[in-house]
C-alpha cells in the first residue's frame, strides 16, 4: 500500500474545526475517539505536520493541562510545526519548527516516515497549502452533530474540478458521521499539437 498524505480531523456540521477562539470544547461530548477510525489511523502514521495554533492548543490542553502531572507529548512520530514565532518546546519530543513552502517539508516528512502515511493535523489553511502544492491524497473527517455558526474552517479552498471522491461513510454512535475522501489530481494539460 502506497504512502498517503492525509488530513484527519473532525468538524462541525457547518464545516468548522474549532470556534473563533480555537476551542474544541464542542467536540468532546460527541463521542469517544476510540470508537472512530483513529486507533487504526494513527498506527499507520510515520510523520505529522501542524500549524502554530494547533500546536499551541496541544501545549495548553494535552501537554500541560491543569491536572498534574504534566502529560507527555502524545506522538512518537516526528512532528513539523509551521510557525513564524518562537514557540515552547516539549522535552523529549521530536518536534521541528519550520516555515515557508510546504514542499521541502513534505519531502523531509516522507523520508522520516519510511513508507508510512503523513498526517496533516491542521489547521485548514496549512492543509490548503499542501493541497495547492498537489500533495494532499485523502481527507478523513468526522462530521459532528453540532453547528458552530462561525469559527476556523475545515479547509478554506475551493475544490470543485475535479471534485473529491467519497470512498467510505461510517456512523460513529449518534455524534459523528465519518467520511473518507480521495483527493484526485487535476487532469494534466494536453500538449499542444506538434509540441
Protein backbone atom coordinates (compact mmCIF):
# COMPACT_ATOMS: atom_id res chain seq x y z
CA UNK A 1 0.00 0.00 0.00
CA UNK A 2 1.44 3.37 -1.04
CA UNK A 3 2.16 6.11 1.45
CA UNK A 4 -0.55 8.80 1.62
CA UNK A 5 -0.66 12.37 2.85
CA UNK A 6 -3.86 12.58 4.86
CA UNK A 7 -5.88 15.31 6.57
CA UNK A 8 -7.55 13.56 9.51
CA UNK A 9 -9.80 15.80 11.60
CA UNK A 10 -13.26 16.48 12.99
CA UNK A 11 -15.55 19.36 12.17
CA UNK A 12 -18.99 20.67 12.96
CA UNK A 13 -21.91 20.00 10.63
CA UNK A 14 -21.44 23.53 9.24
CA UNK A 15 -17.76 22.98 8.46
CA UNK A 16 -15.68 24.38 11.33
CA UNK A 17 -12.83 22.55 13.06
CA UNK A 18 -12.75 24.94 16.02
CA UNK A 19 -14.52 28.02 17.33
CA UNK A 20 -13.23 31.50 16.54
CA UNK A 21 -11.06 31.36 19.70
CA UNK A 22 -9.69 27.89 18.74
CA UNK A 23 -11.80 25.99 21.30
CA UNK A 24 -12.64 22.32 20.76
CA UNK A 25 -14.98 22.04 23.76
CA UNK A 26 -17.89 21.34 21.37
CA UNK A 27 -16.16 18.17 20.15
CA UNK A 28 -15.53 16.07 23.26
CA UNK A 29 -19.15 15.35 24.35
CA UNK A 30 -19.97 13.87 20.93
CA UNK A 31 -18.20 10.54 21.30
CA UNK A 32 -15.12 8.55 22.22
CA UNK A 33 -12.12 8.77 19.88
CA UNK A 34 -11.50 5.05 20.44
CA UNK A 35 -14.77 4.33 18.60
CA UNK A 36 -13.61 6.18 15.48
CA UNK A 37 -11.01 5.07 12.94
CA UNK A 38 -8.33 6.99 14.88
CA UNK A 39 -6.61 3.99 16.58
CA UNK A 40 -6.04 2.27 13.21
CA UNK A 41 -5.25 5.58 11.51
CA UNK A 42 -2.51 6.68 13.95
CA UNK A 43 -0.89 3.21 13.79
CA UNK A 44 -0.19 3.90 10.09
CA UNK A 45 1.27 7.40 10.57
CA UNK A 46 5.02 7.91 10.22
CA UNK A 47 5.24 11.73 10.45
CA UNK A 48 2.91 14.65 11.06
CA UNK A 49 2.61 18.38 10.47
CA UNK A 50 0.53 21.08 12.11
CA UNK A 51 0.21 24.83 12.29
CA UNK A 52 1.16 27.01 15.24
CA UNK A 53 -2.42 27.38 16.56
CA UNK A 54 -2.90 23.59 16.62
CA UNK A 55 0.46 23.15 18.35
CA UNK A 56 -0.35 25.79 20.95
CA UNK A 57 -3.71 24.11 21.60
CA UNK A 58 -1.83 20.83 22.16
CA UNK A 59 0.52 22.55 24.61
CA UNK A 60 -2.39 24.07 26.58
CA UNK A 61 -4.77 21.11 26.61
CA UNK A 62 -2.72 17.94 26.19
CA UNK A 63 0.85 18.54 27.33
CA UNK A 64 0.21 20.92 30.22
CA UNK A 65 -3.39 20.51 31.36
CA UNK A 66 -4.47 21.91 34.71
CA UNK A 67 -4.22 18.47 36.29
CA UNK A 68 -0.79 17.25 37.41
CA UNK A 69 1.45 15.61 36.43
CA UNK A 70 2.31 17.08 33.06
CA UNK A 71 1.14 14.82 30.27
CA UNK A 72 3.62 13.67 27.69
CA UNK A 73 3.59 14.73 24.05
CA UNK A 74 1.14 12.21 22.56
CA UNK A 75 3.05 11.36 19.36
CA UNK A 76 6.06 9.10 18.94
CA UNK A 77 6.35 10.19 15.29
CA UNK A 78 8.43 13.23 14.28
CA UNK A 79 6.31 16.39 14.02
CA UNK A 80 6.81 19.50 11.89
CA UNK A 81 5.23 22.71 13.23
CA UNK A 82 4.76 25.60 10.81
CA UNK A 83 5.25 28.90 12.61
CA UNK A 84 6.71 32.38 12.25
CA UNK A 85 7.04 32.76 16.01
CA UNK A 86 9.25 31.35 18.75
CA UNK A 87 7.25 28.57 20.44
CA UNK A 88 7.86 26.49 23.54
CA UNK A 89 9.39 23.07 23.05
CA UNK A 90 8.35 19.77 24.63
CA UNK A 91 11.25 17.91 26.29
CA UNK A 92 11.88 14.55 24.67
CA UNK A 93 9.56 15.14 21.70
CA UNK A 94 10.80 15.12 18.10
CA UNK A 95 9.36 18.49 17.04
CA UNK A 96 10.83 20.53 14.19
CA UNK A 97 9.81 24.18 13.74
CA UNK A 98 9.60 25.28 10.10
CA UNK A 99 8.14 27.99 7.91
CA UNK A 100 7.63 28.72 4.24
CA UNK A 101 7.00 26.35 1.36
CA UNK A 102 5.37 23.04 2.31
CA UNK A 103 7.10 21.07 -0.49
CA UNK A 104 10.56 20.66 1.11
CA UNK A 105 8.90 19.89 4.44
CA UNK A 106 6.77 17.23 2.76
CA UNK A 107 9.94 15.70 1.29
CA UNK A 108 11.58 15.63 4.74
CA UNK A 109 8.43 14.12 6.28
CA UNK A 110 8.31 11.46 3.57
CA UNK A 111 11.92 10.47 4.27
CA UNK A 112 11.31 10.32 8.02
CA UNK A 113 8.05 8.33 7.67
CA UNK A 114 9.82 5.43 5.92
CA UNK A 115 6.83 4.39 3.84
CA UNK A 116 4.16 5.15 6.44
CA UNK A 117 1.48 7.82 5.99
CA UNK A 118 1.83 11.55 6.63
CA UNK A 119 -0.79 13.19 8.85
CA UNK A 120 -1.69 16.84 8.33
CA UNK A 121 -3.16 17.57 11.74
CA UNK A 122 -4.39 21.08 10.85
CA UNK A 123 -5.41 23.79 10.62
CA UNK A 124 -7.30 24.13 7.44
CA UNK A 125 -5.14 26.85 5.86
CA UNK A 126 -1.98 24.74 6.30
CA UNK A 127 -3.73 21.73 4.77
CA UNK A 128 -4.83 24.02 1.93
CA UNK A 129 -1.18 24.82 1.21
CA UNK A 130 -0.40 21.10 0.88
CA UNK A 131 -3.41 20.77 -1.43
CA UNK A 132 -2.26 23.75 -3.52
CA UNK A 133 1.13 22.03 -3.96
CA UNK A 134 -0.57 18.80 -5.15
CA UNK A 135 0.49 16.90 -2.03
CA UNK A 136 -2.84 16.03 -0.36
CA UNK A 137 -4.12 12.49 -1.04
CA UNK A 138 -7.00 11.93 1.40
CA UNK A 139 -9.35 13.76 3.74
CA UNK A 140 -10.76 11.76 6.66
CA UNK A 141 -13.27 13.78 8.65
CA UNK A 142 -15.66 13.07 11.49
CA UNK A 143 -18.67 15.36 10.98
CA UNK A 144 -20.03 16.23 14.43
CA UNK A 145 -23.72 16.61 15.12
CA UNK A 146 -23.41 20.26 16.17
CA UNK A 147 -23.27 23.60 14.36
CA UNK A 148 -20.99 26.45 15.43
CA UNK A 149 -22.09 29.29 13.17
CA UNK A 150 -18.56 30.68 12.91
CA UNK A 151 -15.04 29.50 13.55
CA UNK A 152 -11.94 28.01 11.96
CA UNK A 153 -12.93 26.47 8.59
CA UNK A 154 -12.29 22.83 7.74
CA UNK A 155 -10.45 23.59 4.50
CA UNK A 156 -10.59 27.15 3.12
CA UNK A 157 -10.11 26.12 -0.51
CA UNK A 158 -12.36 25.70 -3.50
CA UNK A 159 -12.01 22.07 -4.56
CA UNK A 160 -14.52 21.53 -7.33
CA UNK A 161 -12.82 20.41 -10.52
CA UNK A 162 -12.18 17.60 -10.16
CA UNK A 163 -14.37 17.09 -7.06
CA UNK A 164 -13.32 14.96 -4.10
CA UNK A 165 -14.22 11.25 -4.38
CA UNK A 166 -16.21 9.86 -1.45
CA UNK A 167 -14.71 6.44 -0.62
CA UNK A 168 -16.32 5.46 2.70
CA UNK A 169 -19.03 6.53 5.12
CA UNK A 170 -19.46 5.21 8.67
CA UNK A 171 -21.71 6.19 11.55
CA UNK A 172 -19.92 6.56 14.90
CA UNK A 173 -22.53 6.47 17.65
CA UNK A 174 -25.05 9.31 17.50
CA UNK A 175 -22.39 12.04 17.44
CA UNK A 176 -20.43 11.55 14.20
CA UNK A 177 -20.55 10.60 10.55
CA UNK A 178 -17.07 9.55 9.50
CA UNK A 179 -16.27 10.33 5.85
CA UNK A 180 -13.23 9.35 3.79
CA UNK A 181 -12.46 11.27 0.59
CA UNK A 182 -9.79 10.74 -2.03
CA UNK A 183 -8.30 13.96 -3.42
CA UNK A 184 -7.96 13.46 -7.20
CA UNK A 185 -5.27 15.27 -9.13
CA UNK A 186 -6.37 17.76 -11.80
CA UNK A 187 -6.02 16.39 -15.33
CA UNK A 188 -2.71 17.30 -16.92
CA UNK A 189 -2.94 19.85 -19.68
CA UNK A 190 -2.86 18.35 -23.14
CA UNK A 191 0.33 19.00 -25.06
CA UNK A 192 -0.13 21.36 -27.99
CA UNK A 193 -0.13 19.66 -31.42
CA UNK A 194 3.35 19.18 -32.78
CA UNK A 195 4.77 20.05 -29.38
